[in-house]
């Protein structure tokens, strides 16, 4: 069976063409904003995991409990992953070998990433 493309008889006005162009431009701008956001949040998550690893290996010079270096809370690290930085968090976890023995990270961060990827796929297909 052969399918033949047939030209449509529908004609659009200049106004409809301009509206379609405006919609395309708006979509492109929104896509760029989302991509820049994801780049920034993943970079921030990567840096936060690396910085926390550095703090865990370098105690405060004074060496007593009153002057310990403040670590990044685990909830903050997981929040950065949940806000879209899951790729940066996962790469940093295995590159810096940080939080790889904690179940909430070894299961949680990949689960967050899977949820985010499946959400994006669902939104793109509907």
Protein backbone atom coordinates (compact mmCIF):
# COMPACT_ATOMS: atom_id res chain seq x y z
CA UNK A 1 0.00 0.00 0.00
CA UNK A 2 1.40 3.32 -1.03
CA UNK A 3 0.77 6.49 0.93
CA UNK A 4 0.70 9.67 -1.08
CA UNK A 5 1.10 13.05 0.56
CA UNK A 6 -1.74 15.27 -0.51
CA UNK A 7 -1.55 19.01 -0.12
CA UNK A 8 -4.08 20.42 2.27
CA UNK A 9 -6.56 22.98 1.04
CA UNK A 10 -6.52 24.76 4.39
CA UNK A 11 -5.05 28.22 4.16
CA UNK A 12 -3.92 30.08 7.21
CA UNK A 13 -3.93 33.79 7.71
CA UNK A 14 -0.84 35.85 8.40
CA UNK A 15 -2.07 36.33 11.96
CA UNK A 16 -2.30 32.55 12.53
CA UNK A 17 1.19 32.12 11.10
CA UNK A 18 2.53 34.83 13.44
CA UNK A 19 0.83 33.19 16.44
CA UNK A 20 2.36 29.83 15.55
CA UNK A 21 5.78 31.47 15.25
CA UNK A 22 5.29 33.15 18.65
CA UNK A 23 4.34 29.81 20.23
CA UNK A 24 7.44 28.16 18.76
CA UNK A 25 9.69 30.96 20.01
CA UNK A 26 8.14 30.80 23.50
CA UNK A 27 8.63 27.03 23.62
CA UNK A 28 12.25 27.41 22.58
CA UNK A 29 12.87 30.03 25.29
CA UNK A 30 11.24 27.82 27.95
CA UNK A 31 13.33 24.86 26.82
CA UNK A 32 16.51 26.92 27.10
CA UNK A 33 15.56 28.11 30.59
CA UNK A 34 14.92 24.52 31.71
CA UNK A 35 18.23 23.32 30.24
CA UNK A 36 20.18 26.15 31.94
CA UNK A 37 18.41 25.36 35.23
CA UNK A 38 19.28 21.67 34.97
CA UNK A 39 22.89 22.48 34.12
CA UNK A 40 23.15 24.83 37.11
CA UNK A 41 21.47 22.52 39.65
CA UNK A 42 23.57 19.53 38.52
CA UNK A 43 26.75 21.59 38.79
CA UNK A 44 25.68 22.79 42.24
CA UNK A 45 24.93 19.21 43.38
CA UNK A 46 28.29 18.00 42.03
CA UNK A 47 30.14 20.78 43.87
CA UNK A 48 28.18 20.19 47.09
CA UNK A 49 29.00 16.48 47.13
CA UNK A 50 32.66 17.20 46.36
CA UNK A 51 32.87 19.91 49.01
CA UNK A 52 31.28 17.65 51.62
CA UNK A 53 33.76 14.89 50.76
CA UNK A 54 36.62 17.36 51.13
CA UNK A 55 35.31 18.48 54.52
CA UNK A 56 35.01 14.86 55.67
CA UNK A 57 38.70 14.25 54.95
CA UNK A 58 40.12 17.55 56.23
CA UNK A 59 39.40 18.17 59.91
CA UNK A 60 39.61 21.65 61.34
CA UNK A 61 43.22 22.73 62.03
CA UNK A 62 42.53 23.20 65.76
CA UNK A 63 41.51 19.57 65.93
CA UNK A 64 38.97 19.69 68.75
CA UNK A 65 35.24 19.07 68.69
CA UNK A 66 34.33 22.73 69.23
CA UNK A 67 36.06 23.68 65.99
CA UNK A 68 34.99 20.94 63.59
CA UNK A 69 34.26 21.84 59.99
CA UNK A 70 30.56 22.08 59.27
CA UNK A 71 29.50 19.36 56.87
CA UNK A 72 26.67 19.61 54.36
CA UNK A 73 23.57 17.94 55.85
CA UNK A 74 22.48 14.73 54.12
CA UNK A 75 19.01 16.20 53.65
CA UNK A 76 20.54 19.08 51.65
CA UNK A 77 22.46 16.69 49.42
CA UNK A 78 19.32 14.65 48.75
CA UNK A 79 17.29 17.82 48.18
CA UNK A 80 19.73 18.98 45.51
CA UNK A 81 19.27 15.63 43.76
CA UNK A 82 15.48 15.88 44.05
CA UNK A 83 15.44 19.43 42.63
CA UNK A 84 16.94 18.15 39.39
CA UNK A 85 20.59 17.60 40.26
CA UNK A 86 20.41 13.83 40.38
CA UNK A 87 22.86 13.30 37.51
CA UNK A 88 25.45 15.60 39.11
CA UNK A 89 24.88 13.96 42.50
CA UNK A 90 25.26 10.44 41.09
CA UNK A 91 28.42 11.30 39.15
CA UNK A 92 29.94 13.01 42.21
CA UNK A 93 29.02 10.08 44.48
CA UNK A 94 31.01 7.64 42.43
CA UNK A 95 33.77 10.00 41.28
CA UNK A 96 34.54 11.17 44.83
CA UNK A 97 33.46 7.84 46.42
CA UNK A 98 31.25 9.81 48.75
CA UNK A 99 28.09 8.46 50.43
CA UNK A 100 28.40 5.22 48.46
CA UNK A 101 27.96 3.09 51.59
CA UNK A 102 24.78 4.85 52.71
CA UNK A 103 21.63 3.09 51.49
CA UNK A 104 19.59 6.26 51.35
CA UNK A 105 22.08 7.55 48.78
CA UNK A 106 22.90 4.38 46.83
CA UNK A 107 19.20 3.63 46.42
CA UNK A 108 17.71 7.10 46.81
CA UNK A 109 19.69 9.09 44.23
CA UNK A 110 19.25 6.53 41.39
CA UNK A 111 15.55 6.24 42.33
CA UNK A 112 15.21 10.03 42.12
CA UNK A 113 16.94 9.99 38.73
CA UNK A 114 14.66 7.21 37.46
CA UNK A 115 11.60 9.12 38.64
CA UNK A 116 12.80 12.31 36.95
CA UNK A 117 13.58 10.53 33.66
CA UNK A 118 10.23 8.73 33.65
CA UNK A 119 8.41 12.01 34.37
CA UNK A 120 10.19 13.74 31.48
CA UNK A 121 9.38 10.82 29.14
CA UNK A 122 5.74 10.90 30.19
CA UNK A 123 5.50 14.66 29.61
CA UNK A 124 7.14 14.41 26.20
CA UNK A 125 4.88 11.58 25.05
CA UNK A 126 1.60 13.20 26.11
